[in-house]
Amino acid sequence: MTYRNPTPTVDIIIELGDRPGRPIILIERRNDPLGWAIPGGFVDYGESVETAAVREAKEEIGLEVELIEQFHVYSDPNRDPRQHTLSVVFLATATGEPQAADDAKNLDCFESWRIPTNLCFDHDRILKDYWRYRHYGIRPRI
């Protein structure tokens, strides 16, 4: 019997702590699926999810991040059209001027009322859960 497992990924909701309102950074993806996304990517073999989150943030936005907490795990088999993935989502802070790099062709900083509608994967759900947590302290349900 052959076993197949979901591929682990990380997503990092990064608040810019040196800007009014602590906006978050979203990237515009260079590769399919196209659209806006939370910075993140695949966990490398032999790498912890925490290390992967810090690495992916540095690769995609060029900033060192401080991980604040593990927010939630999203594992719907249909969350990524390419393959079955599960994402460990972290909340993080950073300061400085982000620069789009690696898989990001562009980036911008967003407040809750200005989020783009063309979000990739299940990032609309993740951000809905995040804003609810940030504004009201209510964590996502399992």
N, C-alpha and C. Protein backbone atom coordinates (compact mmCIF):
# COMPACT_ATOMS: atom_id res chain seq x y z
N MET A 1 0.84 -1.18 0.00
CA MET A 1 0.00 0.00 0.00
C MET A 1 0.89 1.25 0.00
N THR A 2 0.52 2.22 -0.82
CA THR A 2 1.24 3.49 -0.89
C THR A 2 0.46 4.55 -0.15
N TYR A 3 1.15 5.27 0.73
CA TYR A 3 0.50 6.34 1.48
C TYR A 3 0.82 7.68 0.86
N ARG A 4 -0.19 8.54 0.83
CA ARG A 4 0.00 9.91 0.35
C ARG A 4 -0.38 10.85 1.48
N ASN A 5 0.43 11.84 1.69
CA ASN A 5 0.19 12.81 2.75
C ASN A 5 0.11 14.21 2.19
N PRO A 6 -0.62 15.10 2.89
CA PRO A 6 -0.62 16.50 2.47
C PRO A 6 0.77 17.09 2.61
N THR A 7 1.04 18.10 1.81
CA THR A 7 2.33 18.78 1.86
C THR A 7 2.25 19.94 2.85
N PRO A 8 3.20 20.02 3.80
CA PRO A 8 3.16 21.13 4.77
C PRO A 8 3.62 22.45 4.17
N THR A 9 2.88 23.50 4.50
CA THR A 9 3.23 24.85 4.10
C THR A 9 3.08 25.78 5.31
N VAL A 10 3.56 26.99 5.15
CA VAL A 10 3.38 28.03 6.16
C VAL A 10 2.84 29.28 5.47
N ASP A 11 2.05 30.04 6.20
CA ASP A 11 1.64 31.37 5.80
C ASP A 11 1.92 32.29 6.98
N ILE A 12 2.36 33.52 6.69
CA ILE A 12 2.77 34.44 7.74
C ILE A 12 2.01 35.74 7.58
N ILE A 13 1.11 36.02 8.51
CA ILE A 13 0.41 37.30 8.53
C ILE A 13 1.32 38.27 9.25
N ILE A 14 1.90 39.20 8.48
CA ILE A 14 2.95 40.10 8.98
C ILE A 14 2.38 41.49 9.16
N GLU A 15 2.34 41.94 10.40
CA GLU A 15 1.93 43.31 10.71
C GLU A 15 3.17 44.20 10.70
N LEU A 16 3.05 45.35 10.05
CA LEU A 16 4.14 46.32 10.07
C LEU A 16 3.97 47.19 11.31
N GLY A 17 4.77 46.90 12.32
CA GLY A 17 4.64 47.56 13.61
C GLY A 17 5.08 49.00 13.64
N ASP A 18 5.77 49.46 12.61
CA ASP A 18 6.25 50.85 12.59
C ASP A 18 5.35 51.75 11.75
N ARG A 19 4.14 51.27 11.41
CA ARG A 19 3.20 52.08 10.62
C ARG A 19 1.88 52.22 11.38
N PRO A 20 1.20 53.34 11.20
CA PRO A 20 -0.08 53.53 11.88
C PRO A 20 -1.08 52.43 11.52
N GLY A 21 -1.76 51.91 12.52
CA GLY A 21 -2.76 50.87 12.30
C GLY A 21 -2.22 49.48 12.08
N ARG A 22 -0.91 49.33 12.08
CA ARG A 22 -0.25 48.03 11.87
C ARG A 22 -0.82 47.26 10.67
N PRO A 23 -0.71 47.83 9.44
CA PRO A 23 -1.23 47.12 8.27
C PRO A 23 -0.48 45.81 8.05
N ILE A 24 -1.10 44.89 7.29
CA ILE A 24 -0.45 43.63 6.96
C ILE A 24 0.07 43.67 5.53
N ILE A 25 1.06 42.83 5.27
CA ILE A 25 1.67 42.74 3.95
C ILE A 25 1.03 41.58 3.19
N LEU A 26 0.60 41.85 1.97
CA LEU A 26 0.18 40.80 1.05
C LEU A 26 1.04 40.89 -0.19
N ILE A 27 1.27 39.75 -0.81
CA ILE A 27 2.06 39.71 -2.04
C ILE A 27 1.15 39.41 -3.22
N GLU A 28 1.52 39.93 -4.37
CA GLU A 28 0.87 39.54 -5.61
C GLU A 28 1.73 38.45 -6.22
N ARG A 29 1.15 37.27 -6.43
CA ARG A 29 1.91 36.11 -6.87
C ARG A 29 2.41 36.22 -8.30
N ARG A 30 3.64 35.75 -8.50
CA ARG A 30 4.26 35.72 -9.83
C ARG A 30 3.84 34.46 -10.59
N ASN A 31 3.51 33.39 -9.86
CA ASN A 31 3.20 32.09 -10.46
C ASN A 31 1.76 31.68 -10.17
N ASP A 32 1.27 30.70 -10.95
CA ASP A 32 -0.08 30.18 -10.72
C ASP A 32 -0.16 29.52 -9.35
N PRO A 33 -1.27 29.69 -8.68
CA PRO A 33 -2.42 30.51 -9.04
C PRO A 33 -2.11 32.00 -8.82
N LEU A 34 -2.54 32.82 -9.78
CA LEU A 34 -2.27 34.25 -9.73
C LEU A 34 -3.26 34.95 -8.82
N GLY A 35 -2.84 36.08 -8.28
CA GLY A 35 -3.67 36.87 -7.38
C GLY A 35 -2.86 37.29 -6.17
N TRP A 36 -3.55 37.80 -5.16
CA TRP A 36 -2.92 38.26 -3.93
C TRP A 36 -2.92 37.14 -2.90
N ALA A 37 -1.89 37.13 -2.06
CA ALA A 37 -1.74 36.06 -1.08
C ALA A 37 -0.99 36.55 0.15
N ILE A 38 -1.18 35.82 1.22
CA ILE A 38 -0.38 35.99 2.42
C ILE A 38 1.00 35.43 2.11
N PRO A 39 2.08 36.10 2.49
CA PRO A 39 3.41 35.54 2.25
C PRO A 39 3.53 34.14 2.88
N GLY A 40 4.20 33.26 2.18
CA GLY A 40 4.40 31.91 2.71
C GLY A 40 4.92 30.98 1.65
N GLY A 41 4.94 29.70 1.98
CA GLY A 41 5.43 28.71 1.03
C GLY A 41 5.61 27.36 1.67
N PHE A 42 6.30 26.49 0.95
CA PHE A 42 6.49 25.11 1.36
C PHE A 42 7.57 24.98 2.43
N VAL A 43 7.35 24.04 3.34
CA VAL A 43 8.34 23.70 4.36
C VAL A 43 9.33 22.74 3.73
N ASP A 44 10.61 23.04 3.83
CA ASP A 44 11.65 22.16 3.29
C ASP A 44 11.85 20.95 4.21
N TYR A 45 12.29 19.84 3.62
CA TYR A 45 12.58 18.64 4.39
C TYR A 45 13.67 18.97 5.42
N GLY A 46 13.46 18.56 6.67
CA GLY A 46 14.43 18.82 7.73
C GLY A 46 14.31 20.19 8.36
N GLU A 47 13.31 20.95 7.99
CA GLU A 47 13.13 22.32 8.47
C GLU A 47 11.89 22.38 9.37
N SER A 48 11.97 23.12 10.45
CA SER A 48 10.80 23.32 11.30
C SER A 48 9.87 24.32 10.63
N VAL A 49 8.60 24.31 11.02
CA VAL A 49 7.65 25.27 10.44
C VAL A 49 8.02 26.69 10.83
N GLU A 50 8.56 26.88 12.02
CA GLU A 50 8.98 28.22 12.46
C GLU A 50 10.12 28.74 11.59
N THR A 51 11.10 27.89 11.32
CA THR A 51 12.22 28.28 10.47
C THR A 51 11.73 28.57 9.05
N ALA A 52 10.81 27.75 8.55
CA ALA A 52 10.26 27.95 7.21
C ALA A 52 9.54 29.30 7.13
N ALA A 53 8.79 29.66 8.17
CA ALA A 53 8.05 30.92 8.16
C ALA A 53 9.01 32.11 8.09
N VAL A 54 10.04 32.10 8.90
CA VAL A 54 11.03 33.19 8.88
C VAL A 54 11.74 33.25 7.53
N ARG A 55 12.11 32.09 6.99
CA ARG A 55 12.80 32.03 5.69
C ARG A 55 11.90 32.54 4.57
N GLU A 56 10.67 32.07 4.51
CA GLU A 56 9.75 32.48 3.44
C GLU A 56 9.48 33.99 3.50
N ALA A 57 9.33 34.54 4.69
CA ALA A 57 9.11 35.98 4.81
C ALA A 57 10.32 36.74 4.26
N LYS A 58 11.51 36.30 4.62
CA LYS A 58 12.74 36.97 4.15
C LYS A 58 12.84 36.86 2.62
N GLU A 59 12.54 35.67 2.07
CA GLU A 59 12.63 35.47 0.63
C GLU A 59 11.62 36.30 -0.15
N GLU A 60 10.39 36.41 0.36
CA GLU A 60 9.33 37.06 -0.41
C GLU A 60 9.20 38.56 -0.18
N ILE A 61 9.51 39.04 1.04
CA ILE A 61 9.33 40.47 1.31
C ILE A 61 10.60 41.16 1.77
N GLY A 62 11.69 40.40 1.94
CA GLY A 62 12.98 41.00 2.25
C GLY A 62 13.12 41.55 3.67
N LEU A 63 12.24 41.15 4.58
CA LEU A 63 12.32 41.64 5.96
C LEU A 63 12.50 40.49 6.94
N GLU A 64 13.23 40.77 8.00
CA GLU A 64 13.29 39.84 9.13
C GLU A 64 11.99 40.00 9.91
N VAL A 65 11.36 38.88 10.25
CA VAL A 65 10.13 38.94 11.02
C VAL A 65 10.35 38.34 12.40
N GLU A 66 9.53 38.78 13.32
CA GLU A 66 9.48 38.17 14.64
C GLU A 66 8.15 37.43 14.72
N LEU A 67 8.24 36.10 14.87
CA LEU A 67 7.01 35.32 15.00
C LEU A 67 6.42 35.58 16.38
N ILE A 68 5.14 35.90 16.41
CA ILE A 68 4.45 36.21 17.66
C ILE A 68 3.74 34.98 18.20
N GLU A 69 3.00 34.30 17.32
CA GLU A 69 2.29 33.11 17.75
C GLU A 69 1.88 32.28 16.54
N GLN A 70 1.65 30.99 16.81
CA GLN A 70 1.03 30.13 15.81
C GLN A 70 -0.46 30.40 15.89
N PHE A 71 -1.06 30.80 14.79
CA PHE A 71 -2.44 31.23 14.77
C PHE A 71 -3.42 30.06 14.64
N HIS A 72 -3.27 29.29 13.56
CA HIS A 72 -4.22 28.21 13.28
C HIS A 72 -3.64 27.34 12.17
N VAL A 73 -4.17 26.14 12.01
CA VAL A 73 -3.79 25.26 10.91
C VAL A 73 -5.00 25.11 9.99
N TYR A 74 -4.78 25.32 8.70
CA TYR A 74 -5.82 25.19 7.69
C TYR A 74 -5.46 24.00 6.81
N SER A 75 -6.40 23.07 6.67
CA SER A 75 -6.05 21.81 6.00
C SER A 75 -7.13 21.29 5.05
N ASP A 76 -8.08 22.12 4.66
CA ASP A 76 -9.09 21.67 3.70
C ASP A 76 -8.37 21.12 2.47
N PRO A 77 -8.68 19.88 2.06
CA PRO A 77 -7.99 19.29 0.91
C PRO A 77 -8.09 20.12 -0.37
N ASN A 78 -9.06 21.02 -0.46
CA ASN A 78 -9.24 21.84 -1.65
C ASN A 78 -8.68 23.25 -1.51
N ARG A 79 -7.91 23.52 -0.46
CA ARG A 79 -7.43 24.88 -0.22
C ARG A 79 -6.43 25.35 -1.28
N ASP A 80 -5.71 24.42 -1.89
CA ASP A 80 -4.73 24.75 -2.92
C ASP A 80 -5.07 23.95 -4.17
N PRO A 81 -5.34 24.61 -5.31
CA PRO A 81 -5.74 23.88 -6.51
C PRO A 81 -4.64 22.99 -7.09
N ARG A 82 -3.39 23.18 -6.67
CA ARG A 82 -2.28 22.41 -7.22
C ARG A 82 -2.13 21.04 -6.58
N GLN A 83 -2.39 20.99 -5.26
CA GLN A 83 -2.21 19.74 -4.52
C GLN A 83 -2.80 19.90 -3.12
N HIS A 84 -2.91 18.78 -2.41
CA HIS A 84 -3.42 18.83 -1.03
C HIS A 84 -2.29 19.33 -0.12
N THR A 85 -2.51 20.51 0.46
CA THR A 85 -1.55 21.08 1.40
C THR A 85 -2.24 21.35 2.72
N LEU A 86 -1.44 21.50 3.75
CA LEU A 86 -1.94 22.05 5.01
C LEU A 86 -1.03 23.20 5.37
N SER A 87 -1.62 24.26 5.90
CA SER A 87 -0.83 25.44 6.21
C SER A 87 -0.87 25.74 7.69
N VAL A 88 0.31 25.89 8.27
CA VAL A 88 0.45 26.39 9.62
C VAL A 88 0.59 27.90 9.48
N VAL A 89 -0.37 28.65 10.03
CA VAL A 89 -0.38 30.10 9.88
C VAL A 89 0.18 30.75 11.14
N PHE A 90 1.13 31.65 10.93
CA PHE A 90 1.76 32.38 12.02
C PHE A 90 1.38 33.85 11.96
N LEU A 91 1.34 34.49 13.11
CA LEU A 91 1.24 35.93 13.21
C LEU A 91 2.64 36.44 13.53
N ALA A 92 3.04 37.52 12.86
CA ALA A 92 4.39 38.03 13.01
C ALA A 92 4.38 39.55 12.90
N THR A 93 5.47 40.16 13.34
CA THR A 93 5.67 41.59 13.16
C THR A 93 6.98 41.83 12.45
N ALA A 94 7.05 42.99 11.81
CA ALA A 94 8.28 43.41 11.13
C ALA A 94 8.28 44.93 11.09
N THR A 95 9.44 45.47 10.84
CA THR A 95 9.58 46.91 10.61
C THR A 95 10.43 47.10 9.37
N GLY A 96 10.29 48.26 8.76
CA GLY A 96 11.09 48.55 7.58
C GLY A 96 10.26 48.61 6.32
N GLU A 97 10.96 48.66 5.21
CA GLU A 97 10.32 48.79 3.90
C GLU A 97 10.37 47.44 3.18
N PRO A 98 9.23 46.74 3.05
CA PRO A 98 9.24 45.45 2.35
C PRO A 98 9.52 45.61 0.86
N GLN A 99 10.16 44.61 0.29
CA GLN A 99 10.47 44.59 -1.14
C GLN A 99 10.02 43.25 -1.72
N ALA A 100 9.28 43.28 -2.82
CA ALA A 100 8.82 42.06 -3.46
C ALA A 100 10.00 41.30 -4.07
N ALA A 101 10.09 40.01 -3.79
CA ALA A 101 11.16 39.17 -4.32
C ALA A 101 10.66 37.73 -4.41
N ASP A 102 11.47 36.85 -4.98
CA ASP A 102 11.18 35.43 -5.10
C ASP A 102 9.86 35.22 -5.84
N ASP A 103 8.86 34.62 -5.21
CA ASP A 103 7.58 34.33 -5.86
C ASP A 103 6.65 35.54 -5.91
N ALA A 104 7.05 36.65 -5.30
CA ALA A 104 6.21 37.85 -5.26
C ALA A 104 6.60 38.79 -6.39
N LYS A 105 5.65 39.10 -7.27
CA LYS A 105 5.96 40.08 -8.32
C LYS A 105 5.66 41.49 -7.84
N ASN A 106 4.86 41.59 -6.78
CA ASN A 106 4.50 42.89 -6.22
C ASN A 106 4.05 42.66 -4.79
N LEU A 107 3.98 43.72 -4.00
CA LEU A 107 3.41 43.62 -2.66
C LEU A 107 2.81 44.96 -2.29
N ASP A 108 1.99 44.93 -1.25
CA ASP A 108 1.40 46.15 -0.73
C ASP A 108 1.02 45.90 0.72
N CYS A 109 0.72 46.99 1.42
CA CYS A 109 0.30 46.92 2.81
C CYS A 109 -1.18 47.26 2.87
N PHE A 110 -1.92 46.50 3.68
CA PHE A 110 -3.38 46.61 3.68
C PHE A 110 -3.95 46.69 5.09
N GLU A 111 -4.97 47.52 5.23
CA GLU A 111 -5.81 47.53 6.42
C GLU A 111 -6.99 46.61 6.12
N SER A 112 -7.78 46.29 7.15
CA SER A 112 -8.87 45.32 7.00
C SER A 112 -9.90 45.75 5.96
N TRP A 113 -10.11 47.04 5.80
CA TRP A 113 -11.15 47.51 4.87
C TRP A 113 -10.65 47.64 3.44
N ARG A 114 -9.39 47.32 3.19
CA ARG A 114 -8.80 47.53 1.87
C ARG A 114 -8.22 46.26 1.25
N ILE A 115 -8.62 45.10 1.76
CA ILE A 115 -8.07 43.83 1.28
C ILE A 115 -8.55 43.57 -0.15
N PRO A 116 -7.65 43.13 -1.05
CA PRO A 116 -8.06 42.82 -2.43
C PRO A 116 -9.07 41.67 -2.46
N THR A 117 -9.89 41.63 -3.47
CA THR A 117 -10.89 40.57 -3.59
C THR A 117 -10.36 39.34 -4.29
N ASN A 118 -9.29 39.49 -5.06
CA ASN A 118 -8.75 38.34 -5.80
C ASN A 118 -7.63 37.66 -5.00
N LEU A 119 -8.03 37.07 -3.86
CA LEU A 119 -7.09 36.36 -3.00
C LEU A 119 -6.97 34.90 -3.46
N CYS A 120 -5.77 34.35 -3.34
CA CYS A 120 -5.50 32.96 -3.72
C CYS A 120 -5.81 32.00 -2.58
N PHE A 121 -5.88 30.74 -2.94
CA PHE A 121 -6.03 29.65 -1.98
C PHE A 121 -7.25 29.91 -1.09
N ASP A 122 -7.12 29.68 0.21
CA ASP A 122 -8.19 29.96 1.16
C ASP A 122 -7.85 31.20 1.99
N HIS A 123 -7.07 32.10 1.41
CA HIS A 123 -6.59 33.25 2.16
C HIS A 123 -7.69 34.23 2.54
N ASP A 124 -8.82 34.21 1.82
CA ASP A 124 -9.95 35.02 2.25
C ASP A 124 -10.47 34.53 3.60
N ARG A 125 -10.58 33.22 3.76
CA ARG A 125 -11.02 32.65 5.04
C ARG A 125 -10.00 32.93 6.15
N ILE A 126 -8.72 32.73 5.85
CA ILE A 126 -7.68 32.96 6.85
C ILE A 126 -7.72 34.42 7.32
N LEU A 127 -7.82 35.36 6.38
CA LEU A 127 -7.83 36.77 6.76
C LEU A 127 -9.10 37.16 7.49
N LYS A 128 -10.21 36.56 7.13
CA LYS A 128 -11.45 36.80 7.88
C LYS A 128 -11.27 36.36 9.33
N ASP A 129 -10.70 35.17 9.52
CA ASP A 129 -10.43 34.67 10.87
C ASP A 129 -9.44 35.58 11.61
N TYR A 130 -8.41 36.04 10.91
CA TYR A 130 -7.39 36.91 11.52
C TYR A 130 -8.00 38.24 11.98
N TRP A 131 -8.77 38.90 11.11
CA TRP A 131 -9.35 40.19 11.49
C TRP A 131 -10.31 40.04 12.67
N ARG A 132 -11.05 38.94 12.68
CA ARG A 132 -11.96 38.69 13.80
C ARG A 132 -11.16 38.53 15.10
N TYR A 133 -10.04 37.82 15.01
CA TYR A 133 -9.17 37.64 16.18
C TYR A 133 -8.53 38.97 16.59
N ARG A 134 -8.02 39.70 15.62
CA ARG A 134 -7.33 40.97 15.93
C ARG A 134 -8.29 42.00 16.53
N HIS A 135 -9.48 42.10 15.99
CA HIS A 135 -10.42 43.13 16.46
C HIS A 135 -11.25 42.71 17.68
N TYR A 136 -11.55 41.41 17.79
CA TYR A 136 -12.45 40.96 18.85
C TYR A 136 -11.87 39.89 19.77
N GLY A 137 -10.66 39.42 19.47
CA GLY A 137 -10.03 38.40 20.32
C GLY A 137 -10.64 37.01 20.18
N ILE A 138 -11.40 36.77 19.11
CA ILE A 138 -12.06 35.49 18.92
C ILE A 138 -11.24 34.64 17.97
N ARG A 139 -10.78 33.49 18.46
CA ARG A 139 -9.95 32.59 17.66
C ARG A 139 -10.82 31.77 16.71
N PRO A 140 -10.23 31.27 15.61
CA PRO A 140 -10.99 30.40 14.70
C PRO A 140 -11.44 29.12 15.42
N ARG A 141 -12.57 28.61 15.00
CA ARG A 141 -13.06 27.35 15.55
C ARG A 141 -12.43 26.19 14.79
N ILE A 142 -12.30 25.11 15.47
CA ILE A 142 -11.74 23.90 14.85
C ILE A 142 -12.83 23.21 14.06
